[in-house]
Amino acid sequence: MTKGLQVTAPLNVRLAIKYPQVNVVNLGAGNDTTTQMYARRTSIDLYNPFRVIVWGGVNDAALGVSAATIEANLQSIYDYCKVTKGYEVWAITITPVDTNTTEMNTVRTTVNNWIKAMPSNVDRVIDAWTAVRDPADPTKRLPAYAVEADIVHLNDLGQAAVAALFP
């Protein structure tokens, strides 16, 4: 193993282990924005899920997308899944990015507060931000959850902390 390499079981793998009776499919794509997520929304239907977990917005905030646009994009995904398709919808808050600017943190906080207030057509909120943020500096991840030389992603302990939020 290379020094510094951290192997992480992503959320979908952790949920598949936690719920072996459920087929967990990850349709996320690296560097995705909520606009791209919305454009791919119909790919969900190939799996005929009973539940869709939506975790997006971190890349939008980093690209300077407004909170209102991120919220509108997420709401469109929630509406499609719940109203159009009848799927149960769970929303996950945006986790901290260690190098976010004040403006990016403001966008993330605004969107997270909106998500935590239960947008329409959301059945449950998973507050990943609270689970992995550093109480000493809530704009950053807890150091124990950070991947070395990666300002965004969670290491194995961080992914475990998010997975532990699922009932």
N, C-alpha and C. Protein backbone atom coordinates (compact mmCIF):
# COMPACT_ATOMS: atom_id res chain seq x y z
N MET A 1 0.85 -1.18 0.00
CA MET A 1 0.00 0.00 0.00
C MET A 1 0.89 1.24 0.00
N THR A 2 0.52 2.22 -0.78
CA THR A 2 1.26 3.47 -0.86
C THR A 2 1.05 4.28 0.40
N LYS A 3 2.12 4.88 0.88
CA LYS A 3 2.01 5.71 2.07
C LYS A 3 1.04 6.86 1.81
N GLY A 4 0.13 7.09 2.73
CA GLY A 4 -0.82 8.18 2.62
C GLY A 4 -2.10 7.81 1.88
N LEU A 5 -2.11 6.66 1.19
CA LEU A 5 -3.32 6.24 0.48
C LEU A 5 -4.36 5.78 1.49
N GLN A 6 -5.56 6.33 1.37
CA GLN A 6 -6.62 5.99 2.30
C GLN A 6 -7.75 5.33 1.52
N VAL A 7 -8.04 4.09 1.85
CA VAL A 7 -9.11 3.36 1.20
C VAL A 7 -10.41 3.68 1.93
N THR A 8 -11.40 4.09 1.17
CA THR A 8 -12.67 4.50 1.75
C THR A 8 -13.81 3.71 1.14
N ALA A 9 -14.67 3.17 1.99
CA ALA A 9 -15.90 2.56 1.51
C ALA A 9 -16.93 3.68 1.37
N PRO A 10 -17.37 3.99 0.14
CA PRO A 10 -18.33 5.07 -0.03
C PRO A 10 -19.68 4.74 0.60
N LEU A 11 -20.50 5.76 0.68
CA LEU A 11 -21.79 5.62 1.35
C LEU A 11 -22.62 4.48 0.79
N ASN A 12 -22.69 4.35 -0.54
CA ASN A 12 -23.51 3.28 -1.11
C ASN A 12 -23.04 1.90 -0.67
N VAL A 13 -21.74 1.70 -0.56
CA VAL A 13 -21.22 0.40 -0.11
C VAL A 13 -21.59 0.19 1.36
N ARG A 14 -21.43 1.22 2.17
CA ARG A 14 -21.78 1.11 3.59
C ARG A 14 -23.27 0.82 3.79
N LEU A 15 -24.12 1.46 2.98
CA LEU A 15 -25.56 1.21 3.10
C LEU A 15 -25.91 -0.18 2.62
N ALA A 16 -25.23 -0.67 1.60
CA ALA A 16 -25.47 -2.04 1.12
C ALA A 16 -25.10 -3.07 2.19
N ILE A 17 -24.06 -2.78 2.93
CA ILE A 17 -23.65 -3.67 4.03
C ILE A 17 -24.64 -3.56 5.19
N LYS A 18 -25.04 -2.35 5.50
CA LYS A 18 -25.97 -2.11 6.62
C LYS A 18 -27.35 -2.71 6.34
N TYR A 19 -27.75 -2.68 5.06
CA TYR A 19 -29.07 -3.17 4.66
C TYR A 19 -28.91 -4.21 3.56
N PRO A 20 -28.45 -5.42 3.90
CA PRO A 20 -28.16 -6.43 2.87
C PRO A 20 -29.39 -6.86 2.06
N GLN A 21 -30.58 -6.64 2.58
CA GLN A 21 -31.80 -7.01 1.87
C GLN A 21 -32.19 -6.00 0.80
N VAL A 22 -31.46 -4.88 0.73
CA VAL A 22 -31.79 -3.80 -0.21
C VAL A 22 -30.69 -3.68 -1.26
N ASN A 23 -31.08 -3.53 -2.51
CA ASN A 23 -30.13 -3.29 -3.59
C ASN A 23 -29.83 -1.79 -3.62
N VAL A 24 -28.62 -1.41 -3.27
CA VAL A 24 -28.23 0.00 -3.23
C VAL A 24 -27.44 0.32 -4.49
N VAL A 25 -27.90 1.33 -5.23
CA VAL A 25 -27.26 1.73 -6.48
C VAL A 25 -26.82 3.18 -6.35
N ASN A 26 -25.58 3.45 -6.71
CA ASN A 26 -25.04 4.81 -6.66
C ASN A 26 -25.03 5.38 -8.08
N LEU A 27 -25.83 6.40 -8.32
CA LEU A 27 -25.86 7.04 -9.63
C LEU A 27 -25.10 8.36 -9.64
N GLY A 28 -24.38 8.61 -8.57
CA GLY A 28 -23.59 9.84 -8.51
C GLY A 28 -22.40 9.79 -9.45
N ALA A 29 -21.94 10.95 -9.85
CA ALA A 29 -20.77 11.06 -10.72
C ALA A 29 -19.85 12.12 -10.14
N GLY A 30 -18.56 11.85 -10.17
CA GLY A 30 -17.59 12.80 -9.64
C GLY A 30 -17.71 14.16 -10.30
N ASN A 31 -17.56 15.19 -9.51
CA ASN A 31 -17.62 16.58 -9.96
C ASN A 31 -18.99 17.01 -10.47
N ASP A 32 -20.01 16.25 -10.15
CA ASP A 32 -21.38 16.56 -10.57
C ASP A 32 -21.89 17.84 -9.95
N THR A 33 -22.67 18.57 -10.70
CA THR A 33 -23.41 19.69 -10.17
C THR A 33 -24.87 19.28 -10.08
N THR A 34 -25.67 20.06 -9.40
CA THR A 34 -27.09 19.73 -9.29
C THR A 34 -27.79 19.83 -10.65
N THR A 35 -27.30 20.68 -11.53
CA THR A 35 -27.85 20.75 -12.89
C THR A 35 -27.61 19.44 -13.62
N GLN A 36 -26.41 18.89 -13.48
CA GLN A 36 -26.10 17.61 -14.12
C GLN A 36 -26.90 16.47 -13.49
N MET A 37 -27.07 16.54 -12.17
CA MET A 37 -27.88 15.52 -11.50
C MET A 37 -29.32 15.55 -12.03
N TYR A 38 -29.87 16.74 -12.16
CA TYR A 38 -31.23 16.87 -12.66
C TYR A 38 -31.33 16.35 -14.09
N ALA A 39 -30.34 16.62 -14.91
CA ALA A 39 -30.36 16.17 -16.31
C ALA A 39 -30.38 14.64 -16.40
N ARG A 40 -29.82 13.96 -15.41
CA ARG A 40 -29.77 12.49 -15.41
C ARG A 40 -30.90 11.86 -14.59
N ARG A 41 -31.84 12.64 -14.13
CA ARG A 41 -32.85 12.16 -13.19
C ARG A 41 -33.60 10.93 -13.70
N THR A 42 -33.86 10.83 -14.98
CA THR A 42 -34.64 9.70 -15.48
C THR A 42 -33.85 8.39 -15.43
N SER A 43 -32.53 8.46 -15.27
CA SER A 43 -31.74 7.23 -15.16
C SER A 43 -32.10 6.47 -13.87
N ILE A 44 -32.66 7.18 -12.90
CA ILE A 44 -33.11 6.55 -11.66
C ILE A 44 -34.17 5.50 -11.97
N ASP A 45 -35.03 5.80 -12.93
CA ASP A 45 -36.19 4.95 -13.22
C ASP A 45 -35.81 3.55 -13.68
N LEU A 46 -34.62 3.38 -14.22
CA LEU A 46 -34.18 2.06 -14.67
C LEU A 46 -34.14 1.06 -13.52
N TYR A 47 -34.02 1.56 -12.30
CA TYR A 47 -33.88 0.70 -11.13
C TYR A 47 -35.18 0.54 -10.34
N ASN A 48 -36.21 1.30 -10.70
CA ASN A 48 -37.50 1.24 -10.03
C ASN A 48 -37.34 1.24 -8.50
N PRO A 49 -36.69 2.27 -7.96
CA PRO A 49 -36.42 2.26 -6.51
C PRO A 49 -37.67 2.58 -5.69
N PHE A 50 -37.62 2.20 -4.43
CA PHE A 50 -38.66 2.64 -3.50
C PHE A 50 -38.20 3.92 -2.80
N ARG A 51 -36.88 4.17 -2.80
CA ARG A 51 -36.32 5.35 -2.13
C ARG A 51 -35.17 5.90 -2.96
N VAL A 52 -35.07 7.22 -2.99
CA VAL A 52 -33.96 7.90 -3.64
C VAL A 52 -33.30 8.80 -2.60
N ILE A 53 -32.00 8.69 -2.49
CA ILE A 53 -31.22 9.53 -1.58
C ILE A 53 -30.50 10.56 -2.43
N VAL A 54 -30.73 11.84 -2.15
CA VAL A 54 -30.16 12.92 -2.95
C VAL A 54 -29.11 13.65 -2.12
N TRP A 55 -27.86 13.62 -2.61
CA TRP A 55 -26.76 14.28 -1.93
C TRP A 55 -26.01 15.11 -2.97
N GLY A 56 -26.28 16.39 -3.00
CA GLY A 56 -25.65 17.23 -4.01
C GLY A 56 -25.54 18.67 -3.55
N GLY A 57 -24.71 19.42 -4.24
CA GLY A 57 -24.57 20.85 -3.98
C GLY A 57 -23.16 21.29 -3.67
N VAL A 58 -22.30 20.37 -3.24
CA VAL A 58 -20.95 20.77 -2.85
C VAL A 58 -20.19 21.37 -4.03
N ASN A 59 -20.32 20.77 -5.21
CA ASN A 59 -19.60 21.28 -6.38
C ASN A 59 -20.20 22.58 -6.87
N ASP A 60 -21.52 22.72 -6.77
CA ASP A 60 -22.17 23.96 -7.16
C ASP A 60 -21.61 25.13 -6.34
N ALA A 61 -21.55 24.95 -5.04
CA ALA A 61 -21.07 26.02 -4.15
C ALA A 61 -19.63 26.40 -4.52
N ALA A 62 -18.82 25.40 -4.83
CA ALA A 62 -17.42 25.67 -5.20
C ALA A 62 -17.31 26.41 -6.52
N LEU A 63 -18.32 26.25 -7.38
CA LEU A 63 -18.31 26.91 -8.68
C LEU A 63 -18.99 28.27 -8.67
N GLY A 64 -19.46 28.69 -7.49
CA GLY A 64 -20.08 30.00 -7.37
C GLY A 64 -21.55 30.05 -7.74
N VAL A 65 -22.19 28.88 -7.78
CA VAL A 65 -23.63 28.83 -8.07
C VAL A 65 -24.37 29.38 -6.85
N SER A 66 -25.41 30.13 -7.08
CA SER A 66 -26.16 30.73 -5.97
C SER A 66 -26.94 29.68 -5.19
N ALA A 67 -27.21 29.99 -3.94
CA ALA A 67 -28.02 29.11 -3.10
C ALA A 67 -29.39 28.90 -3.72
N ALA A 68 -29.97 29.96 -4.26
CA ALA A 68 -31.30 29.86 -4.86
C ALA A 68 -31.30 28.88 -6.03
N THR A 69 -30.25 28.89 -6.83
CA THR A 69 -30.17 27.96 -7.97
C THR A 69 -29.97 26.53 -7.49
N ILE A 70 -29.11 26.33 -6.51
CA ILE A 70 -28.90 24.98 -5.97
C ILE A 70 -30.21 24.45 -5.39
N GLU A 71 -30.89 25.27 -4.61
CA GLU A 71 -32.17 24.87 -4.03
C GLU A 71 -33.19 24.54 -5.11
N ALA A 72 -33.27 25.36 -6.15
CA ALA A 72 -34.21 25.10 -7.24
C ALA A 72 -33.89 23.79 -7.95
N ASN A 73 -32.61 23.54 -8.18
CA ASN A 73 -32.21 22.29 -8.82
C ASN A 73 -32.54 21.09 -7.95
N LEU A 74 -32.20 21.18 -6.66
CA LEU A 74 -32.51 20.07 -5.75
C LEU A 74 -34.01 19.87 -5.66
N GLN A 75 -34.76 20.96 -5.55
CA GLN A 75 -36.21 20.85 -5.46
C GLN A 75 -36.78 20.16 -6.70
N SER A 76 -36.23 20.47 -7.86
CA SER A 76 -36.69 19.82 -9.10
C SER A 76 -36.43 18.32 -9.06
N ILE A 77 -35.31 17.92 -8.49
CA ILE A 77 -35.01 16.49 -8.35
C ILE A 77 -35.98 15.86 -7.36
N TYR A 78 -36.19 16.51 -6.21
CA TYR A 78 -37.12 15.99 -5.21
C TYR A 78 -38.52 15.85 -5.82
N ASP A 79 -38.96 16.88 -6.54
CA ASP A 79 -40.30 16.86 -7.13
C ASP A 79 -40.43 15.73 -8.16
N TYR A 80 -39.44 15.59 -9.01
CA TYR A 80 -39.48 14.52 -10.01
C TYR A 80 -39.61 13.17 -9.32
N CYS A 81 -38.75 12.94 -8.33
CA CYS A 81 -38.73 11.63 -7.66
C CYS A 81 -40.02 11.36 -6.89
N LYS A 82 -40.50 12.34 -6.16
CA LYS A 82 -41.67 12.14 -5.30
C LYS A 82 -42.99 12.27 -6.05
N VAL A 83 -43.15 13.38 -6.74
CA VAL A 83 -44.44 13.68 -7.37
C VAL A 83 -44.62 12.90 -8.67
N THR A 84 -43.63 12.95 -9.52
CA THR A 84 -43.76 12.30 -10.83
C THR A 84 -43.65 10.79 -10.72
N LYS A 85 -42.73 10.29 -9.89
CA LYS A 85 -42.46 8.85 -9.85
C LYS A 85 -42.97 8.14 -8.59
N GLY A 86 -43.26 8.88 -7.53
CA GLY A 86 -43.77 8.25 -6.31
C GLY A 86 -42.71 7.61 -5.43
N TYR A 87 -41.45 7.96 -5.62
CA TYR A 87 -40.38 7.41 -4.79
C TYR A 87 -40.32 8.16 -3.46
N GLU A 88 -39.90 7.47 -2.43
CA GLU A 88 -39.58 8.13 -1.16
C GLU A 88 -38.28 8.91 -1.38
N VAL A 89 -38.18 10.11 -0.83
CA VAL A 89 -37.01 10.97 -1.05
C VAL A 89 -36.34 11.32 0.28
N TRP A 90 -35.06 11.03 0.36
CA TRP A 90 -34.24 11.44 1.48
C TRP A 90 -33.20 12.42 0.97
N ALA A 91 -33.03 13.54 1.67
CA ALA A 91 -32.07 14.57 1.28
C ALA A 91 -30.93 14.61 2.29
N ILE A 92 -29.72 14.76 1.78
CA ILE A 92 -28.53 14.84 2.64
C ILE A 92 -27.96 16.26 2.53
N THR A 93 -27.59 16.83 3.67
CA THR A 93 -26.99 18.16 3.68
C THR A 93 -25.58 18.12 3.09
N ILE A 94 -25.12 19.30 2.69
CA ILE A 94 -23.80 19.45 2.07
C ILE A 94 -22.73 19.48 3.16
N THR A 95 -21.71 18.67 3.00
CA THR A 95 -20.63 18.62 3.98
C THR A 95 -19.63 19.75 3.74
N PRO A 96 -18.85 20.09 4.77
CA PRO A 96 -17.88 21.18 4.64
C PRO A 96 -16.77 20.86 3.64
N VAL A 97 -16.24 21.91 3.05
CA VAL A 97 -15.06 21.84 2.20
C VAL A 97 -14.02 22.73 2.86
N ASP A 98 -12.87 22.17 3.15
CA ASP A 98 -11.89 22.85 3.99
C ASP A 98 -11.39 24.18 3.44
N THR A 99 -11.44 24.38 2.15
CA THR A 99 -10.91 25.62 1.56
C THR A 99 -11.99 26.56 1.05
N ASN A 100 -13.23 26.32 1.42
CA ASN A 100 -14.30 27.21 0.94
C ASN A 100 -14.07 28.64 1.41
N THR A 101 -14.44 29.57 0.55
CA THR A 101 -14.39 30.98 0.90
C THR A 101 -15.61 31.31 1.76
N THR A 102 -15.63 32.50 2.29
CA THR A 102 -16.77 32.95 3.07
C THR A 102 -18.05 32.87 2.25
N GLU A 103 -17.97 33.29 0.98
CA GLU A 103 -19.14 33.25 0.10
C GLU A 103 -19.62 31.82 -0.11
N MET A 104 -18.70 30.90 -0.34
CA MET A 104 -19.07 29.49 -0.54
C MET A 104 -19.70 28.91 0.71
N ASN A 105 -19.14 29.26 1.86
CA ASN A 105 -19.70 28.77 3.12
C ASN A 105 -21.10 29.34 3.35
N THR A 106 -21.31 30.58 2.97
CA THR A 106 -22.64 31.19 3.09
C THR A 106 -23.64 30.45 2.22
N VAL A 107 -23.25 30.12 1.00
CA VAL A 107 -24.14 29.36 0.10
C VAL A 107 -24.45 27.99 0.71
N ARG A 108 -23.41 27.29 1.16
CA ARG A 108 -23.60 25.97 1.75
C ARG A 108 -24.52 26.04 2.97
N THR A 109 -24.28 27.00 3.84
CA THR A 109 -25.11 27.15 5.04
C THR A 109 -26.55 27.45 4.67
N THR A 110 -26.75 28.32 3.71
CA THR A 110 -28.11 28.67 3.27
C THR A 110 -28.84 27.44 2.74
N VAL A 111 -28.16 26.68 1.87
CA VAL A 111 -28.78 25.48 1.30
C VAL A 111 -29.02 24.44 2.40
N ASN A 112 -28.06 24.26 3.29
CA ASN A 112 -28.25 23.28 4.37
C ASN A 112 -29.43 23.65 5.27
N ASN A 113 -29.56 24.92 5.59
CA ASN A 113 -30.70 25.35 6.41
C ASN A 113 -32.01 25.08 5.70
N TRP A 114 -32.02 25.29 4.39
CA TRP A 114 -33.22 25.00 3.59
C TRP A 114 -33.51 23.49 3.60
N ILE A 115 -32.47 22.68 3.42
CA ILE A 115 -32.68 21.22 3.44
C ILE A 115 -33.17 20.78 4.82
N LYS A 116 -32.54 21.28 5.87
CA LYS A 116 -32.93 20.88 7.24
C LYS A 116 -34.35 21.31 7.60
N ALA A 117 -34.87 22.31 6.89
CA ALA A 117 -36.25 22.75 7.12
C ALA A 117 -37.26 21.88 6.36
N MET A 118 -36.81 20.79 5.76
CA MET A 118 -37.66 19.82 5.05
C MET A 118 -38.36 20.44 3.84
N PRO A 119 -37.62 20.58 2.74
CA PRO A 119 -38.26 21.09 1.52
C PRO A 119 -39.45 20.20 1.14
N SER A 120 -40.34 20.73 0.34
CA SER A 120 -41.48 19.91 -0.07
C SER A 120 -40.98 18.69 -0.84
N ASN A 121 -41.72 17.62 -0.67
CA ASN A 121 -41.45 16.34 -1.33
C ASN A 121 -40.18 15.65 -0.83
N VAL A 122 -39.74 15.98 0.37
CA VAL A 122 -38.65 15.27 1.03
C VAL A 122 -39.24 14.55 2.24
N ASP A 123 -38.96 13.25 2.34
CA ASP A 123 -39.50 12.45 3.43
C ASP A 123 -38.60 12.42 4.66
N ARG A 124 -37.30 12.57 4.46
CA ARG A 124 -36.36 12.52 5.58
C ARG A 124 -35.12 13.31 5.21
N VAL A 125 -34.53 13.96 6.21
CA VAL A 125 -33.28 14.68 6.03
C VAL A 125 -32.19 13.97 6.83
N ILE A 126 -31.06 13.76 6.18
CA ILE A 126 -29.87 13.22 6.82
C ILE A 126 -28.88 14.38 6.91
N ASP A 127 -28.54 14.80 8.12
CA ASP A 127 -27.69 15.97 8.33
C ASP A 127 -26.21 15.59 8.41
N ALA A 128 -25.63 15.33 7.23
CA ALA A 128 -24.21 14.95 7.16
C ALA A 128 -23.30 16.08 7.61
N TRP A 129 -23.69 17.32 7.32
CA TRP A 129 -22.85 18.45 7.70
C TRP A 129 -22.59 18.44 9.20
N THR A 130 -23.64 18.31 10.00
CA THR A 130 -23.48 18.33 11.45
C THR A 130 -22.63 17.15 11.92
N ALA A 131 -22.77 16.02 11.27
CA ALA A 131 -22.05 14.82 11.69
C ALA A 131 -20.55 14.91 11.44
N VAL A 132 -20.13 15.63 10.42
CA VAL A 132 -18.71 15.61 10.06
C VAL A 132 -17.99 16.94 10.25
N ARG A 133 -18.71 18.00 10.60
CA ARG A 133 -18.06 19.30 10.75
C ARG A 133 -17.22 19.35 12.02
N ASP A 134 -16.25 20.21 11.99
CA ASP A 134 -15.39 20.43 13.14
C ASP A 134 -16.06 21.47 14.04
N PRO A 135 -16.46 21.13 15.26
CA PRO A 135 -17.12 22.11 16.13
C PRO A 135 -16.26 23.36 16.39
N ALA A 136 -14.94 23.20 16.33
CA ALA A 136 -14.05 24.35 16.54
C ALA A 136 -14.05 25.29 15.33
N ASP A 137 -14.36 24.75 14.15
CA ASP A 137 -14.46 25.55 12.93
C ASP A 137 -15.45 24.85 12.01
N PRO A 138 -16.74 25.16 12.13
CA PRO A 138 -17.78 24.46 11.37
C PRO A 138 -17.68 24.59 9.86
N THR A 139 -16.76 25.42 9.37
CA THR A 139 -16.57 25.52 7.92
C THR A 139 -15.66 24.41 7.40
N LYS A 140 -15.12 23.60 8.31
CA LYS A 140 -14.19 22.53 7.93
C LYS A 140 -14.67 21.19 8.48
N ARG A 141 -14.15 20.12 7.88
CA ARG A 141 -14.42 18.76 8.38
C ARG A 141 -13.60 18.53 9.65
N LEU A 142 -14.08 17.64 10.49
CA LEU A 142 -13.25 17.20 11.60
C LEU A 142 -11.96 16.62 11.01
N PRO A 143 -10.81 16.96 11.54
CA PRO A 143 -9.56 16.42 11.00
C PRO A 143 -9.56 14.89 10.91
N ALA A 144 -10.21 14.23 11.85
CA ALA A 144 -10.26 12.77 11.83
C ALA A 144 -11.03 12.23 10.63
N TYR A 145 -11.83 13.07 9.96
CA TYR A 145 -12.65 12.63 8.81
C TYR A 145 -12.08 13.08 7.47
N ALA A 146 -10.97 13.76 7.48
CA ALA A 146 -10.40 14.31 6.25
C ALA A 146 -9.49 13.31 5.55
N VAL A 147 -9.61 13.26 4.24
CA VAL A 147 -8.68 12.48 3.42
C VAL A 147 -7.44 13.34 3.23
N GLU A 148 -6.29 12.75 3.40
CA GLU A 148 -5.03 13.49 3.24
C GLU A 148 -4.96 14.10 1.84
N ALA A 149 -4.63 15.38 1.78
CA ALA A 149 -4.47 16.11 0.52
C ALA A 149 -5.75 16.15 -0.32
N ASP A 150 -6.91 16.07 0.32
CA ASP A 150 -8.19 16.14 -0.39
C ASP A 150 -9.08 17.07 0.43
N ILE A 151 -9.46 18.19 -0.15
CA ILE A 151 -10.19 19.21 0.58
C ILE A 151 -11.69 18.94 0.68
N VAL A 152 -12.19 17.93 -0.06
CA VAL A 152 -13.63 17.72 -0.15
C VAL A 152 -14.08 16.40 0.46
N HIS A 153 -13.45 15.31 0.05
CA HIS A 153 -13.98 13.98 0.36
C HIS A 153 -13.72 13.54 1.79
N LEU A 154 -14.57 12.65 2.24
CA LEU A 154 -14.46 12.11 3.58
C LEU A 154 -13.67 10.81 3.54
N ASN A 155 -12.89 10.58 4.58
CA ASN A 155 -12.17 9.32 4.68
C ASN A 155 -13.13 8.25 5.21
N ASP A 156 -12.59 7.09 5.52
CA ASP A 156 -13.41 5.96 5.95
C ASP A 156 -14.21 6.29 7.22
N LEU A 157 -13.57 6.96 8.18
CA LEU A 157 -14.27 7.33 9.41
C LEU A 157 -15.39 8.33 9.12
N GLY A 158 -15.14 9.26 8.21
CA GLY A 158 -16.17 10.24 7.83
C GLY A 158 -17.35 9.59 7.14
N GLN A 159 -17.05 8.66 6.22
CA GLN A 159 -18.14 7.93 5.54
C GLN A 159 -18.92 7.10 6.55
N ALA A 160 -18.23 6.52 7.52
CA ALA A 160 -18.92 5.75 8.57
C ALA A 160 -19.82 6.65 9.40
N ALA A 161 -19.36 7.87 9.67
CA ALA A 161 -20.17 8.81 10.45
C ALA A 161 -21.45 9.17 9.72
N VAL A 162 -21.37 9.34 8.40
CA VAL A 162 -22.58 9.65 7.61
C VAL A 162 -23.49 8.42 7.56
N ALA A 163 -22.92 7.26 7.31
CA ALA A 163 -23.72 6.03 7.24
C ALA A 163 -24.43 5.76 8.57
N ALA A 164 -23.80 6.13 9.67
CA ALA A 164 -24.40 5.90 10.98
C ALA A 164 -25.69 6.74 11.19
N LEU A 165 -25.87 7.77 10.39
CA LEU A 165 -27.05 8.61 10.49
C LEU A 165 -28.31 7.93 9.92
N PHE A 166 -28.12 6.90 9.14
CA PHE A 166 -29.24 6.22 8.52
C PHE A 166 -29.86 5.24 9.51
N PRO A 167 -31.20 5.30 9.66
CA PRO A 167 -31.84 4.42 10.64
C PRO A 167 -31.83 2.95 10.21
